[in-house]
């Protein structure tokens, strides 16, 4: 079971959950893949996990659009996964 704080947007109606590997992240590669594209309005989801080398990113969904995935350690926007759950927010909105 994953759980997280709610979205900074009151418009969030569901969440998308992505999974990546820590080994890729440490090498500077962003290898996210969708694990759940409609986790529902509650800030939790049951996601089967495998090896210990995983991390998860949660993105809010509102009005058919997916919120930004935040920024990396240098302030650049994190890119969407190759197979994103929803089109990215055209305004590029991110949580502070």
PDB file of N, CA and C in Angstrom:
ATOM      1  N   UNK A   1       0.847  -1.174   0.000  1.00  0.00           N
ATOM      2  CA  UNK A   1       0.000   0.000   0.000  1.00  0.00           C
ATOM      3  C   UNK A   1       0.889   1.231   0.000  1.00  0.00           C
ATOM      4  N   UNK A   2       0.647   2.123  -0.945  1.00  0.00           N
ATOM      5  CA  UNK A   2       1.302   3.427  -0.972  1.00  0.00           C
ATOM      6  C   UNK A   2       0.320   4.450  -0.446  1.00  0.00           C
ATOM      7  N   UNK A   3       0.805   5.427   0.280  1.00  0.00           N
ATOM      8  CA  UNK A   3      -0.038   6.545   0.678  1.00  0.00           C
ATOM      9  C   UNK A   3       0.788   7.815   0.588  1.00  0.00           C
ATOM     10  N   UNK A   4       0.114   8.936   0.328  1.00  0.00           N
ATOM     11  CA  UNK A   4       0.808  10.205   0.140  1.00  0.00           C
ATOM     12  C   UNK A   4      -0.098  11.334   0.601  1.00  0.00           C
ATOM     13  N   UNK A   5       0.469  12.522   0.735  1.00  0.00           N
ATOM     14  CA  UNK A   5      -0.323  13.700   1.055  1.00  0.00           C
ATOM     15  C   UNK A   5      -1.153  14.077  -0.155  1.00  0.00           C
ATOM     16  N   UNK A   6      -2.261  14.753   0.055  1.00  0.00           N
ATOM     17  CA  UNK A   6      -3.123  15.149  -1.041  1.00  0.00           C
ATOM     18  C   UNK A   6      -2.445  16.148  -1.967  1.00  0.00           C
ATOM     19  N   UNK A   7      -3.061  16.398  -3.095  1.00  0.00           N
ATOM     20  CA  UNK A   7      -2.539  17.325  -4.089  1.00  0.00           C
ATOM     21  C   UNK A   7      -2.623  18.758  -3.576  1.00  0.00           C
ATOM     22  N   UNK A   8      -1.762  19.623  -4.107  1.00  0.00           N
ATOM     23  CA  UNK A   8      -1.855  21.049  -3.784  1.00  0.00           C
ATOM     24  C   UNK A   8      -3.005  21.687  -4.551  1.00  0.00           C
ATOM     25  N   UNK A   9      -3.615  20.958  -5.465  1.00  0.00           N
ATOM     26  CA  UNK A   9      -4.741  21.466  -6.245  1.00  0.00           C
ATOM     27  C   UNK A   9      -6.053  20.884  -5.722  1.00  0.00           C
ATOM     28  N   UNK A  10      -7.025  21.746  -5.418  1.00  0.00           N
ATOM     29  CA  UNK A  10      -8.326  21.214  -4.988  1.00  0.00           C
ATOM     30  C   UNK A  10      -9.082  20.546  -6.141  1.00  0.00           C
ATOM     31  N   UNK A  11      -8.579  20.697  -7.373  1.00  0.00           N
ATOM     32  CA  UNK A  11      -9.235  20.122  -8.545  1.00  0.00           C
ATOM     33  C   UNK A  11      -8.844  18.676  -8.812  1.00  0.00           C
ATOM     34  N   UNK A  12      -7.896  18.141  -8.068  1.00  0.00           N
ATOM     35  CA  UNK A  12      -7.446  16.765  -8.308  1.00  0.00           C
ATOM     36  C   UNK A  12      -8.587  15.791  -8.037  1.00  0.00           C
ATOM     37  N   UNK A  13      -8.873  14.943  -9.015  1.00  0.00           N
ATOM     38  CA  UNK A  13      -9.954  13.962  -8.881  1.00  0.00           C
ATOM     39  C   UNK A  13      -9.435  12.532  -8.813  1.00  0.00           C
ATOM     40  N   UNK A  14      -8.189  12.329  -9.160  1.00  0.00           N
ATOM     41  CA  UNK A  14      -7.572  11.003  -9.131  1.00  0.00           C
ATOM     42  C   UNK A  14      -6.057  11.202  -9.165  1.00  0.00           C
ATOM     43  N   UNK A  15      -5.330  10.109  -9.093  1.00  0.00           N
ATOM     44  CA  UNK A  15      -3.873  10.169  -9.099  1.00  0.00           C
ATOM     45  C   UNK A  15      -3.312   9.118 -10.036  1.00  0.00           C
ATOM     46  N   UNK A  16      -2.173   9.412 -10.622  1.00  0.00           N
ATOM     47  CA  UNK A  16      -1.423   8.443 -11.420  1.00  0.00           C
ATOM     48  C   UNK A  16      -0.174   8.080 -10.624  1.00  0.00           C
ATOM     49  N   UNK A  17       0.147   6.806 -10.588  1.00  0.00           N
ATOM     50  CA  UNK A  17       1.324   6.335  -9.851  1.00  0.00           C
ATOM     51  C   UNK A  17       2.322   5.768 -10.852  1.00  0.00           C
ATOM     52  N   UNK A  18       3.550   6.258 -10.774  1.00  0.00           N
ATOM     53  CA  UNK A  18       4.639   5.799 -11.635  1.00  0.00           C
ATOM     54  C   UNK A  18       5.698   5.105 -10.794  1.00  0.00           C
ATOM     55  N   UNK A  19       6.408   4.188 -11.411  1.00  0.00           N
ATOM     56  CA  UNK A  19       7.491   3.449 -10.752  1.00  0.00           C
ATOM     57  C   UNK A  19       8.776   3.626 -11.538  1.00  0.00           C
ATOM     58  N   UNK A  20       9.875   3.794 -10.840  1.00  0.00           N
ATOM     59  CA  UNK A  20      11.183   3.864 -11.461  1.00  0.00           C
ATOM     60  C   UNK A  20      12.177   3.073 -10.625  1.00  0.00           C
ATOM     61  N   UNK A  21      13.382   2.884 -11.143  1.00  0.00           N
ATOM     62  CA  UNK A  21      14.402   2.157 -10.389  1.00  0.00           C
ATOM     63  C   UNK A  21      15.434   3.138  -9.848  1.00  0.00           C
ATOM     64  N   UNK A  22      15.868   2.875  -8.627  1.00  0.00           N
ATOM     65  CA  UNK A  22      16.870   3.733  -8.001  1.00  0.00           C
ATOM     66  C   UNK A  22      18.200   3.668  -8.736  1.00  0.00           C
ATOM     67  N   UNK A  23      18.539   2.512  -9.287  1.00  0.00           N
ATOM     68  CA  UNK A  23      19.808   2.382 -10.015  1.00  0.00           C
ATOM     69  C   UNK A  23      19.829   3.334 -11.207  1.00  0.00           C
ATOM     70  N   UNK A  24      18.723   3.401 -11.963  1.00  0.00           N
ATOM     71  CA  UNK A  24      18.655   4.308 -13.104  1.00  0.00           C
ATOM     72  C   UNK A  24      18.690   5.752 -12.636  1.00  0.00           C
ATOM     73  N   UNK A  25      17.964   6.054 -11.570  1.00  0.00           N
ATOM     74  CA  UNK A  25      17.928   7.414 -11.043  1.00  0.00           C
ATOM     75  C   UNK A  25      19.323   7.870 -10.610  1.00  0.00           C
ATOM     76  N   UNK A  26      20.055   7.003  -9.956  1.00  0.00           N
ATOM     77  CA  UNK A  26      21.421   7.339  -9.526  1.00  0.00           C
ATOM     78  C   UNK A  26      22.345   7.607 -10.714  1.00  0.00           C
ATOM     79  N   UNK A  27      22.046   6.969 -11.841  1.00  0.00           N
ATOM     80  CA  UNK A  27      22.899   7.172 -13.017  1.00  0.00           C
ATOM     81  C   UNK A  27      22.414   8.344 -13.874  1.00  0.00           C
ATOM     82  N   UNK A  28      21.369   9.047 -13.420  1.00  0.00           N
ATOM     83  CA  UNK A  28      20.883  10.210 -14.140  1.00  0.00           C
ATOM     84  C   UNK A  28      19.836   9.916 -15.191  1.00  0.00           C
ATOM     85  N   UNK A  29      19.273   8.701 -15.187  1.00  0.00           N
ATOM     86  CA  UNK A  29      18.254   8.312 -16.169  1.00  0.00           C
ATOM     87  C   UNK A  29      16.896   8.297 -15.480  1.00  0.00           C
ATOM     88  N   UNK A  30      15.893   8.804 -16.163  1.00  0.00           N
ATOM     89  CA  UNK A  30      14.527   8.857 -15.648  1.00  0.00           C
ATOM     90  C   UNK A  30      13.745   7.737 -16.318  1.00  0.00           C
ATOM     91  N   UNK A  31      13.531   6.603 -15.635  1.00  0.00           N
ATOM     92  CA  UNK A  31      12.926   5.422 -16.263  1.00  0.00           C
ATOM     93  C   UNK A  31      11.524   5.103 -15.741  1.00  0.00           C
ATOM     94  N   UNK A  32      10.714   6.119 -15.506  1.00  0.00           N
ATOM     95  CA  UNK A  32       9.374   5.892 -14.965  1.00  0.00           C
ATOM     96  C   UNK A  32       8.476   5.142 -15.934  1.00  0.00           C
ATOM     97  N   UNK A  33       7.658   4.253 -15.363  1.00  0.00           N
ATOM     98  CA  UNK A  33       6.603   3.570 -16.117  1.00  0.00           C
ATOM     99  C   UNK A  33       5.322   3.648 -15.282  1.00  0.00           C
ATOM    100  N   UNK A  34       4.156   3.769 -15.933  1.00  0.00           N
ATOM    101  CA  UNK A  34       2.901   3.832 -15.176  1.00  0.00           C
ATOM    102  C   UNK A  34       2.630   2.529 -14.438  1.00  0.00           C
ATOM    103  N   UNK A  35       2.199   2.638 -13.176  1.00  0.00           N
ATOM    104  CA  UNK A  35       1.771   1.472 -12.397  1.00  0.00           C
ATOM    105  C   UNK A  35       0.280   1.517 -12.138  1.00  0.00           C
ATOM    106  N   UNK A  36      -0.294   2.719 -12.022  1.00  0.00           N
ATOM    107  CA  UNK A  36      -1.728   2.889 -11.832  1.00  0.00           C
ATOM    108  C   UNK A  36      -2.109   4.229 -12.427  1.00  0.00           C
ATOM    109  N   UNK A  37      -3.023   4.229 -13.391  1.00  0.00           N
ATOM    110  CA  UNK A  37      -3.412   5.482 -14.047  1.00  0.00           C
ATOM    111  C   UNK A  37      -4.716   6.049 -13.521  1.00  0.00           C
ATOM    112  N   UNK A  38      -5.282   5.439 -12.529  1.00  0.00           N
ATOM    113  CA  UNK A  38      -6.504   5.957 -11.935  1.00  0.00           C
ATOM    114  C   UNK A  38      -6.655   5.469 -10.516  1.00  0.00           C
ATOM    115  N   UNK A  39      -5.769   5.950  -9.641  1.00  0.00           N
ATOM    116  CA  UNK A  39      -5.771   5.475  -8.266  1.00  0.00           C
ATOM    117  C   UNK A  39      -6.973   5.983  -7.481  1.00  0.00           C
ATOM    118  N   UNK A  40      -7.802   6.841  -8.077  1.00  0.00           N
ATOM    119  CA  UNK A  40      -8.978   7.339  -7.392  1.00  0.00           C
ATOM    120  C   UNK A  40      -8.679   8.596  -6.593  1.00  0.00           C
ATOM    121  N   UNK A  41      -9.693   9.140  -5.928  1.00  0.00           N
ATOM    122  CA  UNK A  41      -9.531  10.407  -5.231  1.00  0.00           C
ATOM    123  C   UNK A  41      -8.798  10.311  -3.896  1.00  0.00           C
ATOM    124  N   UNK A  42      -8.708   9.132  -3.322  1.00  0.00           N
ATOM    125  CA  UNK A  42      -8.024   8.985  -2.030  1.00  0.00           C
ATOM    126  C   UNK A  42      -6.514   8.963  -2.238  1.00  0.00           C
ATOM    127  N   UNK A  43      -5.760   9.549  -1.313  1.00  0.00           N
ATOM    128  CA  UNK A  43      -4.289   9.569  -1.472  1.00  0.00           C
ATOM    129  C   UNK A  43      -3.633   8.253  -1.054  1.00  0.00           C
ATOM    130  N   UNK A  44      -4.060   7.165  -1.719  1.00  0.00           N
ATOM    131  CA  UNK A  44      -3.470   5.857  -1.458  1.00  0.00           C
ATOM    132  C   UNK A  44      -3.777   4.926  -2.623  1.00  0.00           C
ATOM    133  N   UNK A  45      -2.946   3.922  -2.795  1.00  0.00           N
ATOM    134  CA  UNK A  45      -3.151   2.936  -3.854  1.00  0.00           C
ATOM    135  C   UNK A  45      -2.433   1.651  -3.475  1.00  0.00           C
ATOM    136  N   UNK A  46      -2.984   0.544  -3.927  1.00  0.00           N
ATOM    137  CA  UNK A  46      -2.326  -0.743  -3.772  1.00  0.00           C
ATOM    138  C   UNK A  46      -1.563  -0.994  -5.058  1.00  0.00           C
ATOM    139  N   UNK A  47      -0.246  -1.052  -4.954  1.00  0.00           N
ATOM    140  CA  UNK A  47       0.615  -1.248  -6.119  1.00  0.00           C
ATOM    141  C   UNK A  47       1.544  -2.413  -5.813  1.00  0.00           C
ATOM    142  N   UNK A  48       1.475  -3.497  -6.599  1.00  0.00           N
ATOM    143  CA  UNK A  48       2.401  -4.603  -6.362  1.00  0.00           C
ATOM    144  C   UNK A  48       3.838  -4.137  -6.563  1.00  0.00           C
ATOM    145  N   UNK A  49       4.692  -4.484  -5.634  1.00  0.00           N
ATOM    146  CA  UNK A  49       6.093  -4.094  -5.739  1.00  0.00           C
ATOM    147  C   UNK A  49       6.947  -5.331  -5.921  1.00  0.00           C
ATOM    148  N   UNK A  50       8.092  -5.131  -6.520  1.00  0.00           N
ATOM    149  CA  UNK A  50       9.022  -6.223  -6.760  1.00  0.00           C
ATOM    150  C   UNK A  50      10.291  -6.003  -5.977  1.00  0.00           C
ATOM    151  N   UNK A  51      11.384  -5.772  -6.679  1.00  0.00           N
ATOM    152  CA  UNK A  51      12.674  -5.611  -6.000  1.00  0.00           C
ATOM    153  C   UNK A  51      12.705  -4.362  -5.127  1.00  0.00           C
ATOM    154  N   UNK A  52      13.670  -4.325  -4.207  1.00  0.00           N
ATOM    155  CA  UNK A  52      13.826  -3.183  -3.301  1.00  0.00           C
ATOM    156  C   UNK A  52      14.361  -1.951  -4.012  1.00  0.00           C
ATOM    157  N   UNK A  53      14.742  -2.060  -5.251  1.00  0.00           N
ATOM    158  CA  UNK A  53      15.381  -0.979  -5.991  1.00  0.00           C
ATOM    159  C   UNK A  53      14.353  -0.088  -6.703  1.00  0.00           C
ATOM    160  N   UNK A  54      13.221   0.196  -6.047  1.00  0.00           N
ATOM    161  CA  UNK A  54      12.161   0.960  -6.690  1.00  0.00           C
ATOM    162  C   UNK A  54      11.875   2.255  -5.962  1.00  0.00           C
ATOM    163  N   UNK A  55      11.378   3.243  -6.711  1.00  0.00           N
ATOM    164  CA  UNK A  55      10.807   4.433  -6.104  1.00  0.00           C
ATOM    165  C   UNK A  55       9.526   4.747  -6.870  1.00  0.00           C
ATOM    166  N   UNK A  56       8.658   5.539  -6.270  1.00  0.00           N
ATOM    167  CA  UNK A  56       7.374   5.857  -6.872  1.00  0.00           C
ATOM    168  C   UNK A  56       7.175   7.364  -6.927  1.00  0.00           C
ATOM    169  N   UNK A  57       6.486   7.823  -7.977  1.00  0.00           N
ATOM    170  CA  UNK A  57       6.121   9.219  -8.146  1.00  0.00           C
ATOM    171  C   UNK A  57       4.612   9.248  -8.348  1.00  0.00           C
ATOM    172  N   UNK A  58       3.950  10.162  -7.654  1.00  0.00           N
ATOM    173  CA  UNK A  58       2.499  10.288  -7.757  1.00  0.00           C
ATOM    174  C   UNK A  58       2.177  11.637  -8.393  1.00  0.00           C
ATOM    175  N   UNK A  59       1.313  11.628  -9.409  1.00  0.00           N
ATOM    176  CA  UNK A  59       0.905  12.858 -10.092  1.00  0.00           C
ATOM    177  C   UNK A  59      -0.609  13.005  -9.981  1.00  0.00           C
ATOM    178  N   UNK A  60      -1.100  14.193  -9.621  1.00  0.00           N
ATOM    179  CA  UNK A  60      -2.551  14.391  -9.564  1.00  0.00           C
ATOM    180  C   UNK A  60      -3.148  14.488 -10.956  1.00  0.00           C
ATOM    181  N   UNK A  61      -4.380  14.018 -11.093  1.00  0.00           N
ATOM    182  CA  UNK A  61      -5.129  14.127 -12.345  1.00  0.00           C
ATOM    183  C   UNK A  61      -6.336  15.027 -12.096  1.00  0.00           C
ATOM    184  N   UNK A  62      -6.536  16.009 -12.961  1.00  0.00           N
ATOM    185  CA  UNK A  62      -7.678  16.922 -12.823  1.00  0.00           C
ATOM    186  C   UNK A  62      -8.165  17.316 -14.203  1.00  0.00           C
ATOM    187  N   UNK A  63      -9.456  17.147 -14.441  1.00  0.00           N
ATOM    188  CA  UNK A  63     -10.037  17.538 -15.721  1.00  0.00           C
ATOM    189  C   UNK A  63      -9.405  16.867 -16.914  1.00  0.00           C
ATOM    190  N   UNK A  64      -8.945  15.629 -16.765  1.00  0.00           N
ATOM    191  CA  UNK A  64      -8.329  14.909 -17.869  1.00  0.00           C
ATOM    192  C   UNK A  64      -6.874  15.252 -18.097  1.00  0.00           C
ATOM    193  N   UNK A  65      -6.294  16.094 -17.250  1.00  0.00           N
ATOM    194  CA  UNK A  65      -4.892  16.455 -17.391  1.00  0.00           C
ATOM    195  C   UNK A  65      -4.107  16.016 -16.166  1.00  0.00           C
ATOM    196  N   UNK A  66      -2.854  15.688 -16.405  1.00  0.00           N
ATOM    197  CA  UNK A  66      -1.971  15.260 -15.339  1.00  0.00           C
ATOM    198  C   UNK A  66      -1.110  16.438 -14.909  1.00  0.00           C
ATOM    199  N   UNK A  67      -1.004  16.644 -13.611  1.00  0.00           N
ATOM    200  CA  UNK A  67      -0.160  17.716 -13.091  1.00  0.00           C
ATOM    201  C   UNK A  67       1.306  17.405 -13.327  1.00  0.00           C
ATOM    202  N   UNK A  68       2.159  18.379 -13.148  1.00  0.00           N
ATOM    203  CA  UNK A  68       3.593  18.189 -13.313  1.00  0.00           C
ATOM    204  C   UNK A  68       4.149  17.230 -12.276  1.00  0.00           C
ATOM    205  N   UNK A  69       5.296  16.672 -12.550  1.00  0.00           N
ATOM    206  CA  UNK A  69       5.945  15.736 -11.640  1.00  0.00           C
ATOM    207  C   UNK A  69       6.983  16.440 -10.774  1.00  0.00           C
ATOM    208  N   UNK A  70       6.886  17.763 -10.660  1.00  0.00           N
ATOM    209  CA  UNK A  70       7.828  18.506  -9.835  1.00  0.00           C
ATOM    210  C   UNK A  70       9.111  18.776 -10.591  1.00  0.00           C
ATOM    211  N   UNK A  71      10.122  19.159  -9.848  1.00  0.00           N
ATOM    212  CA  UNK A  71      11.409  19.480 -10.459  1.00  0.00           C
ATOM    213  C   UNK A  71      12.504  18.586  -9.892  1.00  0.00           C
ATOM    214  N   UNK A  72      13.591  18.480 -10.655  1.00  0.00           N
ATOM    215  CA  UNK A  72      14.725  17.695 -10.180  1.00  0.00           C
ATOM    216  C   UNK A  72      15.557  18.556  -9.225  1.00  0.00           C
ATOM    217  N   UNK A  73      16.670  18.048  -8.786  1.00  0.00           N
ATOM    218  CA  UNK A  73      17.526  18.759  -7.839  1.00  0.00           C
ATOM    219  C   UNK A  73      18.112  20.051  -8.367  1.00  0.00           C
ATOM    220  N   UNK A  74      18.028  20.285  -9.669  1.00  0.00           N
ATOM    221  CA  UNK A  74      18.584  21.491 -10.280  1.00  0.00           C
ATOM    222  C   UNK A  74      17.497  22.457 -10.725  1.00  0.00           C
ATOM    223  N   UNK A  75      16.238  22.171 -10.405  1.00  0.00           N
ATOM    224  CA  UNK A  75      15.140  23.057 -10.748  1.00  0.00           C
ATOM    225  C   UNK A  75      14.511  22.822 -12.103  1.00  0.00           C
ATOM    226  N   UNK A  76      14.977  21.834 -12.850  1.00  0.00           N
ATOM    227  CA  UNK A  76      14.398  21.528 -14.163  1.00  0.00           C
ATOM    228  C   UNK A  76      13.169  20.634 -13.986  1.00  0.00           C
ATOM    229  N   UNK A  77      12.123  20.806 -14.800  1.00  0.00           N
ATOM    230  CA  UNK A  77      10.939  19.945 -14.681  1.00  0.00           C
ATOM    231  C   UNK A  77      11.299  18.490 -14.950  1.00  0.00           C
ATOM    232  N   UNK A  78      10.743  17.592 -14.140  1.00  0.00           N
ATOM    233  CA  UNK A  78      10.925  16.167 -14.389  1.00  0.00           C
ATOM    234  C   UNK A  78      10.096  15.798 -15.613  1.00  0.00           C
ATOM    235  N   UNK A  79      10.661  15.044 -16.547  1.00  0.00           N
ATOM    236  CA  UNK A  79       9.908  14.682 -17.757  1.00  0.00           C
ATOM    237  C   UNK A  79       8.831  13.649 -17.452  1.00  0.00           C
ATOM    238  N   UNK A  80       7.789  13.644 -18.256  1.00  0.00           N
ATOM    239  CA  UNK A  80       6.745  12.628 -18.130  1.00  0.00           C
ATOM    240  C   UNK A  80       7.317  11.276 -18.526  1.00  0.00           C
ATOM    241  N   UNK A  81       6.657  10.215 -18.092  1.00  0.00           N
ATOM    242  CA  UNK A  81       7.071   8.871 -18.482  1.00  0.00           C
ATOM    243  C   UNK A  81       6.837   8.692 -19.979  1.00  0.00           C
ATOM    244  N   UNK A  82       7.542   7.746 -20.567  1.00  0.00           N
ATOM    245  CA  UNK A  82       7.389   7.483 -22.001  1.00  0.00           C
ATOM    246  C   UNK A  82       5.949   7.131 -22.337  1.00  0.00           C
ATOM    247  N   UNK A  83       5.282   6.431 -21.441  1.00  0.00           N
ATOM    248  CA  UNK A  83       3.873   6.079 -21.625  1.00  0.00           C
ATOM    249  C   UNK A  83       3.064   6.757 -20.522  1.00  0.00           C
ATOM    250  N   UNK A  84       2.930   8.082 -20.600  1.00  0.00           N
ATOM    251  CA  UNK A  84       2.247   8.833 -19.547  1.00  0.00           C
ATOM    252  C   UNK A  84       0.777   8.448 -19.470  1.00  0.00           C
ATOM    253  N   UNK A  85       0.201   8.601 -18.291  1.00  0.00           N
ATOM    254  CA  UNK A  85      -1.204   8.255 -18.082  1.00  0.00           C
ATOM    255  C   UNK A  85      -2.157   9.249 -18.721  1.00  0.00           C
ATOM    256  N   UNK A  86      -1.779  10.507 -18.788  1.00  0.00           N
ATOM    257  CA  UNK A  86      -2.644  11.545 -19.340  1.00  0.00           C
ATOM    258  C   UNK A  86      -1.772  12.608 -19.977  1.00  0.00           C
ATOM    259  N   UNK A  87      -2.334  13.420 -20.861  1.00  0.00           N
ATOM    260  CA  UNK A  87      -1.511  14.479 -21.442  1.00  0.00           C
ATOM    261  C   UNK A  87      -1.031  15.434 -20.355  1.00  0.00           C
ATOM    262  N   UNK A  88       0.180  15.977 -20.473  1.00  0.00           N
ATOM    263  CA  UNK A  88       0.685  16.885 -19.452  1.00  0.00           C
ATOM    264  C   UNK A  88      -0.124  18.178 -19.430  1.00  0.00           C
ATOM    265  N   UNK A  89      -0.109  18.836 -18.297  1.00  0.00           N
ATOM    266  CA  UNK A  89      -0.814  20.099 -18.132  1.00  0.00           C
ATOM    267  C   UNK A  89      -0.244  21.113 -19.108  1.00  0.00           C
ATOM    268  N   UNK A  90      -1.072  21.692 -19.992  1.00  0.00           N
ATOM    269  CA  UNK A  90      -0.540  22.626 -20.992  1.00  0.00           C
ATOM    270  C   UNK A  90       0.051  23.881 -20.383  1.00  0.00           C
ATOM    271  N   UNK A  91      -0.316  24.193 -19.153  1.00  0.00           N
ATOM    272  CA  UNK A  91       0.244  25.382 -18.502  1.00  0.00           C
ATOM    273  C   UNK A  91       1.492  25.049 -17.710  1.00  0.00           C
ATOM    274  N   UNK A  92       1.826  23.772 -17.621  1.00  0.00           N
ATOM    275  CA  UNK A  92       3.031  23.362 -16.905  1.00  0.00           C
ATOM    276  C   UNK A  92       2.950  23.575 -15.408  1.00  0.00           C
ATOM    277  N   UNK A  93       1.740  23.539 -14.851  1.00  0.00           N
ATOM    278  CA  UNK A  93       1.562  23.784 -13.422  1.00  0.00           C
ATOM    279  C   UNK A  93       2.247  22.712 -12.591  1.00  0.00           C
ATOM    280  N   UNK A  94       2.921  23.131 -11.545  1.00  0.00           N
ATOM    281  CA  UNK A  94       3.536  22.203 -10.602  1.00  0.00           C
ATOM    282  C   UNK A  94       3.228  22.650  -9.186  1.00  0.00           C
ATOM    283  N   UNK A  95       3.299  21.741  -8.264  1.00  0.00           N
ATOM    284  CA  UNK A  95       3.109  22.080  -6.860  1.00  0.00           C
ATOM    285  C   UNK A  95       4.348  22.794  -6.346  1.00  0.00           C
ATOM    286  N   UNK A  96       4.177  23.737  -5.425  1.00  0.00           N
ATOM    287  CA  UNK A  96       5.359  24.420  -4.891  1.00  0.00           C
ATOM    288  C   UNK A  96       6.200  23.487  -4.047  1.00  0.00           C
TER     289      UNK A  96
END
